[in-house]
Amino acid sequence: MTLFVEVDGTPAAGLQEKLGNVVREETKLRAAIVFVGVGELANDGKVIEDSRSYE
């Protein structure tokens, strides 16, 4: 999975790794984190929700 993250300026050192760890902890999936500038992501109105239940 690839997660695109909008950032204003240069992201903090270690942010890419921290986000990757959080995504893995919450979704049980590994993600490649890609930083893009503000406004570069399409505002297409699509929302992806993970509604799986682990109970």
Protein backbone atom coordinates (compact mmCIF):
# COMPACT_ATOMS: atom_id res chain seq x y z
CA MET A 1 0.00 0.00 0.00
CA THR A 2 1.18 3.54 -0.64
CA LEU A 3 0.09 6.44 1.57
CA PHE A 4 0.51 9.89 0.06
CA VAL A 5 0.84 12.62 2.70
CA GLU A 6 0.61 16.34 1.96
CA VAL A 7 3.25 18.38 3.76
CA ASP A 8 3.92 22.08 3.84
CA GLY A 9 7.69 22.38 3.49
CA THR A 10 10.20 19.76 4.55
CA PRO A 11 8.87 16.95 6.74
CA ALA A 12 10.49 16.42 10.13
CA ALA A 13 13.30 13.90 10.36
CA GLY A 14 11.94 10.43 11.06
CA LEU A 15 8.34 11.31 10.19
CA GLN A 16 8.21 8.87 7.27
CA GLU A 17 9.27 5.97 9.50
CA LYS A 18 6.90 6.98 12.32
CA LEU A 19 3.93 7.20 9.95
CA GLY A 20 4.82 3.83 8.46
CA ASN A 21 4.89 2.29 11.93
CA VAL A 22 1.51 3.79 12.88
CA VAL A 23 -0.09 2.58 9.65
CA ARG A 24 1.27 -0.92 10.25
CA GLU A 25 0.05 -0.96 13.88
CA GLU A 26 -3.45 0.27 13.01
CA THR A 27 -4.12 -1.55 9.74
CA LYS A 28 -1.79 -4.56 9.97
CA LEU A 29 -0.50 -3.53 6.52
CA ARG A 30 2.87 -2.18 5.50
CA ALA A 31 2.76 1.15 3.69
CA ALA A 32 5.23 3.11 1.62
CA ILE A 33 4.93 6.74 2.75
CA VAL A 34 5.28 9.35 -0.01
CA PHE A 35 5.37 13.05 0.82
CA VAL A 36 3.86 15.51 -1.66
CA GLY A 37 3.33 19.26 -1.55
CA VAL A 38 0.12 20.86 -0.36
CA GLY A 39 -2.53 20.77 -3.10
CA GLU A 40 -0.84 18.04 -5.15
CA LEU A 41 -3.35 15.35 -4.21
CA ALA A 42 -6.61 15.19 -6.14
CA ASN A 43 -9.67 16.29 -4.21
CA ASP A 44 -11.93 13.71 -5.84
CA GLY A 45 -14.15 13.19 -2.82
CA LYS A 46 -13.29 9.49 -2.51
CA VAL A 47 -12.88 8.30 1.07
CA ILE A 48 -11.55 4.86 1.84
CA GLU A 49 -12.65 3.42 5.15
CA ASP A 50 -11.30 0.24 6.67
CA SER A 51 -14.36 -1.18 8.41
CA ARG A 52 -12.89 -4.60 9.26
CA SER A 53 -13.48 -5.90 12.76
CA TYR A 54 -10.74 -7.78 14.61
CA GLU A 55 -12.97 -8.99 17.45
